[in-house]
Amino acid sequence: MEVRFEETSIITLGSLREPVLSEVSDAMYALQAAPNIEALVSLLGDDVELVDDMHFNIAIKLNYQHVAACLMVELNNNDEVMVTLKSYD
């Protein structure tokens, strides 16, 4: 699977502080390493929210109650993954 990062998300990525940046990086590595959504859910657990067959969100949490960012993931039929980053921090 080829992972593409949406262009405006690069600006958002540059504004993140540690430890949020490390958590986003870890989630991106997990996304790239997972062969399918089931494997990703097993890696990230409750942090993955399935929206529908082609969309899901990965919550980036600093602790159990605080979501600092979200990776919104869209799958397409060309075996590509488009990732958009939203920061709440």
N, C-alpha and C. Protein backbone atom coordinates (compact mmCIF):
# COMPACT_ATOMS: atom_id res chain seq x y z
N MET A 1 0.83 -1.17 0.00
CA MET A 1 0.00 0.00 0.00
C MET A 1 0.88 1.25 0.00
N GLU A 2 0.54 2.19 -0.85
CA GLU A 2 1.28 3.44 -0.90
C GLU A 2 0.55 4.49 -0.05
N VAL A 3 1.27 5.11 0.87
CA VAL A 3 0.68 6.12 1.76
C VAL A 3 1.07 7.49 1.26
N ARG A 4 0.06 8.35 1.08
CA ARG A 4 0.29 9.74 0.67
C ARG A 4 -0.22 10.66 1.75
N PHE A 5 0.55 11.68 2.03
CA PHE A 5 0.22 12.65 3.07
C PHE A 5 -0.32 13.90 2.40
N GLU A 6 -1.55 14.29 2.71
CA GLU A 6 -2.20 15.45 2.11
C GLU A 6 -1.34 16.70 2.35
N GLU A 7 -1.18 17.55 1.33
CA GLU A 7 -0.23 18.66 1.36
C GLU A 7 -0.42 19.63 2.52
N THR A 8 -1.64 20.05 2.80
CA THR A 8 -1.83 21.01 3.90
C THR A 8 -1.51 20.38 5.25
N SER A 9 -1.52 19.06 5.31
CA SER A 9 -1.18 18.38 6.56
C SER A 9 0.30 18.53 6.89
N ILE A 10 1.12 18.78 5.90
CA ILE A 10 2.56 18.97 6.14
C ILE A 10 2.77 20.24 6.96
N ILE A 11 1.99 21.28 6.69
CA ILE A 11 2.06 22.51 7.49
C ILE A 11 1.64 22.22 8.92
N THR A 12 0.57 21.46 9.07
CA THR A 12 0.10 21.10 10.41
C THR A 12 1.15 20.27 11.13
N LEU A 13 1.77 19.35 10.44
CA LEU A 13 2.81 18.52 11.02
C LEU A 13 3.96 19.36 11.57
N GLY A 14 4.33 20.40 10.84
CA GLY A 14 5.41 21.28 11.26
C GLY A 14 5.09 22.08 12.51
N SER A 15 3.81 22.25 12.82
CA SER A 15 3.43 23.03 13.99
C SER A 15 3.24 22.19 15.25
N LEU A 16 3.32 20.87 15.12
CA LEU A 16 3.12 20.00 16.28
C LEU A 16 4.32 20.05 17.21
N ARG A 17 4.04 19.90 18.48
CA ARG A 17 5.11 19.85 19.48
C ARG A 17 5.28 18.42 19.96
N GLU A 18 6.40 18.17 20.60
CA GLU A 18 6.59 16.86 21.24
C GLU A 18 5.71 16.82 22.47
N PRO A 19 5.14 15.74 22.84
CA PRO A 19 5.23 14.39 22.33
C PRO A 19 4.22 14.05 21.24
N VAL A 20 3.39 15.02 20.83
CA VAL A 20 2.38 14.76 19.80
C VAL A 20 3.04 14.32 18.51
N LEU A 21 4.12 14.98 18.14
CA LEU A 21 4.84 14.66 16.91
C LEU A 21 5.31 13.21 16.91
N SER A 22 5.83 12.74 18.03
CA SER A 22 6.27 11.35 18.13
C SER A 22 5.10 10.38 17.99
N GLU A 23 3.97 10.72 18.58
CA GLU A 23 2.79 9.86 18.49
C GLU A 23 2.28 9.79 17.04
N VAL A 24 2.29 10.92 16.33
CA VAL A 24 1.89 10.93 14.92
C VAL A 24 2.85 10.07 14.11
N SER A 25 4.12 10.21 14.38
CA SER A 25 5.13 9.41 13.68
C SER A 25 4.91 7.92 13.92
N ASP A 26 4.65 7.53 15.15
CA ASP A 26 4.40 6.12 15.47
C ASP A 26 3.16 5.60 14.74
N ALA A 27 2.11 6.41 14.69
CA ALA A 27 0.88 5.99 14.00
C ALA A 27 1.12 5.85 12.50
N MET A 28 1.93 6.74 11.92
CA MET A 28 2.24 6.66 10.50
C MET A 28 3.05 5.39 10.20
N TYR A 29 4.00 5.06 11.06
CA TYR A 29 4.77 3.82 10.87
C TYR A 29 3.86 2.60 10.96
N ALA A 30 2.94 2.61 11.92
CA ALA A 30 1.99 1.49 12.05
C ALA A 30 1.12 1.39 10.81
N LEU A 31 0.67 2.53 10.29
CA LEU A 31 -0.16 2.55 9.09
C LEU A 31 0.60 1.96 7.89
N GLN A 32 1.85 2.33 7.74
CA GLN A 32 2.66 1.83 6.63
C GLN A 32 2.97 0.34 6.79
N ALA A 33 3.13 -0.12 8.02
CA ALA A 33 3.52 -1.50 8.26
C ALA A 33 2.34 -2.47 8.19
N ALA A 34 1.14 -1.98 8.46
CA ALA A 34 -0.02 -2.87 8.53
C ALA A 34 -0.45 -3.30 7.12
N PRO A 35 -0.61 -4.59 6.90
CA PRO A 35 -1.03 -5.07 5.58
C PRO A 35 -2.52 -4.85 5.31
N ASN A 36 -3.30 -4.65 6.37
CA ASN A 36 -4.74 -4.43 6.21
C ASN A 36 -5.29 -3.73 7.46
N ILE A 37 -6.55 -3.34 7.40
CA ILE A 37 -7.16 -2.59 8.49
C ILE A 37 -7.25 -3.42 9.77
N GLU A 38 -7.49 -4.72 9.64
CA GLU A 38 -7.58 -5.58 10.82
C GLU A 38 -6.25 -5.60 11.58
N ALA A 39 -5.16 -5.67 10.85
CA ALA A 39 -3.83 -5.65 11.47
C ALA A 39 -3.57 -4.30 12.14
N LEU A 40 -4.02 -3.22 11.50
CA LEU A 40 -3.83 -1.89 12.07
C LEU A 40 -4.62 -1.75 13.37
N VAL A 41 -5.84 -2.25 13.39
CA VAL A 41 -6.65 -2.20 14.61
C VAL A 41 -5.98 -3.01 15.71
N SER A 42 -5.37 -4.14 15.36
CA SER A 42 -4.70 -4.94 16.39
C SER A 42 -3.46 -4.21 16.92
N LEU A 43 -2.81 -3.40 16.08
CA LEU A 43 -1.64 -2.63 16.53
C LEU A 43 -2.03 -1.43 17.38
N LEU A 44 -3.09 -0.71 16.97
CA LEU A 44 -3.44 0.56 17.62
C LEU A 44 -4.67 0.48 18.52
N GLY A 45 -5.41 -0.60 18.43
CA GLY A 45 -6.55 -0.82 19.33
C GLY A 45 -7.63 0.23 19.23
N ASP A 46 -8.02 0.76 20.39
CA ASP A 46 -9.13 1.71 20.49
C ASP A 46 -8.86 3.04 19.79
N ASP A 47 -7.64 3.28 19.39
CA ASP A 47 -7.31 4.55 18.73
C ASP A 47 -7.79 4.60 17.29
N VAL A 48 -8.26 3.47 16.75
CA VAL A 48 -8.75 3.42 15.37
C VAL A 48 -10.28 3.42 15.40
N GLU A 49 -10.86 4.38 14.66
CA GLU A 49 -12.31 4.47 14.54
C GLU A 49 -12.68 4.24 13.08
N LEU A 50 -13.40 3.17 12.81
CA LEU A 50 -13.83 2.88 11.44
C LEU A 50 -15.04 3.74 11.11
N VAL A 51 -14.95 4.51 10.02
CA VAL A 51 -16.05 5.36 9.57
C VAL A 51 -16.93 4.58 8.60
N ASP A 52 -16.30 3.98 7.59
CA ASP A 52 -16.96 3.09 6.64
C ASP A 52 -15.89 2.22 6.01
N ASP A 53 -16.21 1.53 4.93
CA ASP A 53 -15.25 0.60 4.32
C ASP A 53 -14.00 1.28 3.77
N MET A 54 -14.10 2.54 3.43
CA MET A 54 -12.99 3.25 2.78
C MET A 54 -12.37 4.35 3.64
N HIS A 55 -12.91 4.61 4.83
CA HIS A 55 -12.42 5.70 5.68
C HIS A 55 -12.29 5.24 7.13
N PHE A 56 -11.23 5.69 7.77
CA PHE A 56 -11.11 5.49 9.21
C PHE A 56 -10.23 6.59 9.79
N ASN A 57 -10.32 6.76 11.09
CA ASN A 57 -9.57 7.79 11.79
C ASN A 57 -8.67 7.12 12.82
N ILE A 58 -7.49 7.71 13.01
CA ILE A 58 -6.57 7.26 14.05
C ILE A 58 -6.41 8.42 15.02
N ALA A 59 -6.85 8.22 16.25
CA ALA A 59 -6.73 9.26 17.28
C ALA A 59 -5.31 9.26 17.84
N ILE A 60 -4.75 10.45 17.94
CA ILE A 60 -3.42 10.63 18.53
C ILE A 60 -3.66 11.19 19.93
N LYS A 61 -3.42 10.35 20.93
CA LYS A 61 -3.73 10.72 22.31
C LYS A 61 -2.47 10.93 23.12
N LEU A 62 -2.50 11.97 23.95
CA LEU A 62 -1.41 12.18 24.90
C LEU A 62 -1.68 11.40 26.18
N ASN A 63 -2.94 11.23 26.49
CA ASN A 63 -3.36 10.36 27.58
C ASN A 63 -4.74 9.84 27.21
N TYR A 64 -5.35 9.09 28.08
CA TYR A 64 -6.62 8.45 27.73
C TYR A 64 -7.73 9.44 27.40
N GLN A 65 -7.69 10.63 27.99
CA GLN A 65 -8.77 11.60 27.82
C GLN A 65 -8.49 12.68 26.79
N HIS A 66 -7.26 12.90 26.42
CA HIS A 66 -6.91 14.04 25.57
C HIS A 66 -6.47 13.60 24.17
N VAL A 67 -7.31 13.89 23.18
CA VAL A 67 -6.94 13.64 21.78
C VAL A 67 -6.27 14.91 21.26
N ALA A 68 -4.99 14.80 20.92
CA ALA A 68 -4.22 15.95 20.48
C ALA A 68 -4.27 16.15 18.97
N ALA A 69 -4.50 15.06 18.23
CA ALA A 69 -4.53 15.13 16.77
C ALA A 69 -5.29 13.91 16.24
N CYS A 70 -5.57 13.95 14.95
CA CYS A 70 -6.28 12.85 14.32
C CYS A 70 -5.73 12.66 12.91
N LEU A 71 -5.43 11.43 12.57
CA LEU A 71 -5.07 11.08 11.20
C LEU A 71 -6.33 10.54 10.54
N MET A 72 -6.84 11.25 9.55
CA MET A 72 -8.02 10.81 8.81
C MET A 72 -7.51 10.08 7.57
N VAL A 73 -7.87 8.82 7.44
CA VAL A 73 -7.32 7.95 6.41
C VAL A 73 -8.41 7.55 5.43
N GLU A 74 -8.08 7.70 4.15
CA GLU A 74 -8.99 7.31 3.08
C GLU A 74 -8.30 6.29 2.18
N LEU A 75 -8.92 5.15 1.99
CA LEU A 75 -8.40 4.12 1.09
C LEU A 75 -9.03 4.32 -0.28
N ASN A 76 -8.28 4.02 -1.34
CA ASN A 76 -8.90 4.05 -2.67
C ASN A 76 -8.66 2.73 -3.38
N ASN A 77 -9.23 2.61 -4.55
CA ASN A 77 -9.18 1.34 -5.28
C ASN A 77 -7.83 1.07 -5.93
N ASN A 78 -6.92 2.03 -5.92
CA ASN A 78 -5.60 1.86 -6.52
C ASN A 78 -4.55 1.42 -5.51
N ASP A 79 -5.00 0.88 -4.37
CA ASP A 79 -4.11 0.44 -3.30
C ASP A 79 -3.28 1.60 -2.75
N GLU A 80 -3.90 2.78 -2.71
CA GLU A 80 -3.27 3.97 -2.13
C GLU A 80 -4.04 4.38 -0.89
N VAL A 81 -3.32 5.03 0.02
CA VAL A 81 -3.91 5.55 1.24
C VAL A 81 -3.61 7.04 1.29
N MET A 82 -4.65 7.86 1.44
CA MET A 82 -4.47 9.31 1.58
C MET A 82 -4.69 9.67 3.04
N VAL A 83 -3.72 10.34 3.65
CA VAL A 83 -3.79 10.70 5.06
C VAL A 83 -3.88 12.21 5.20
N THR A 84 -4.84 12.65 6.01
CA THR A 84 -4.99 14.06 6.35
C THR A 84 -4.83 14.20 7.86
N LEU A 85 -4.01 15.14 8.29
CA LEU A 85 -3.75 15.35 9.70
C LEU A 85 -4.53 16.56 10.20
N LYS A 86 -5.23 16.38 11.31
CA LYS A 86 -5.90 17.48 12.00
C LYS A 86 -5.31 17.58 13.39
N SER A 87 -4.95 18.78 13.80
CA SER A 87 -4.40 18.99 15.13
C SER A 87 -5.44 19.65 16.01
N TYR A 88 -5.55 19.16 17.22
CA TYR A 88 -6.45 19.75 18.22
C TYR A 88 -5.65 20.31 19.39
N ASP A 89 -4.36 20.29 19.28
CA ASP A 89 -3.49 20.68 20.37
C ASP A 89 -3.14 22.16 20.31
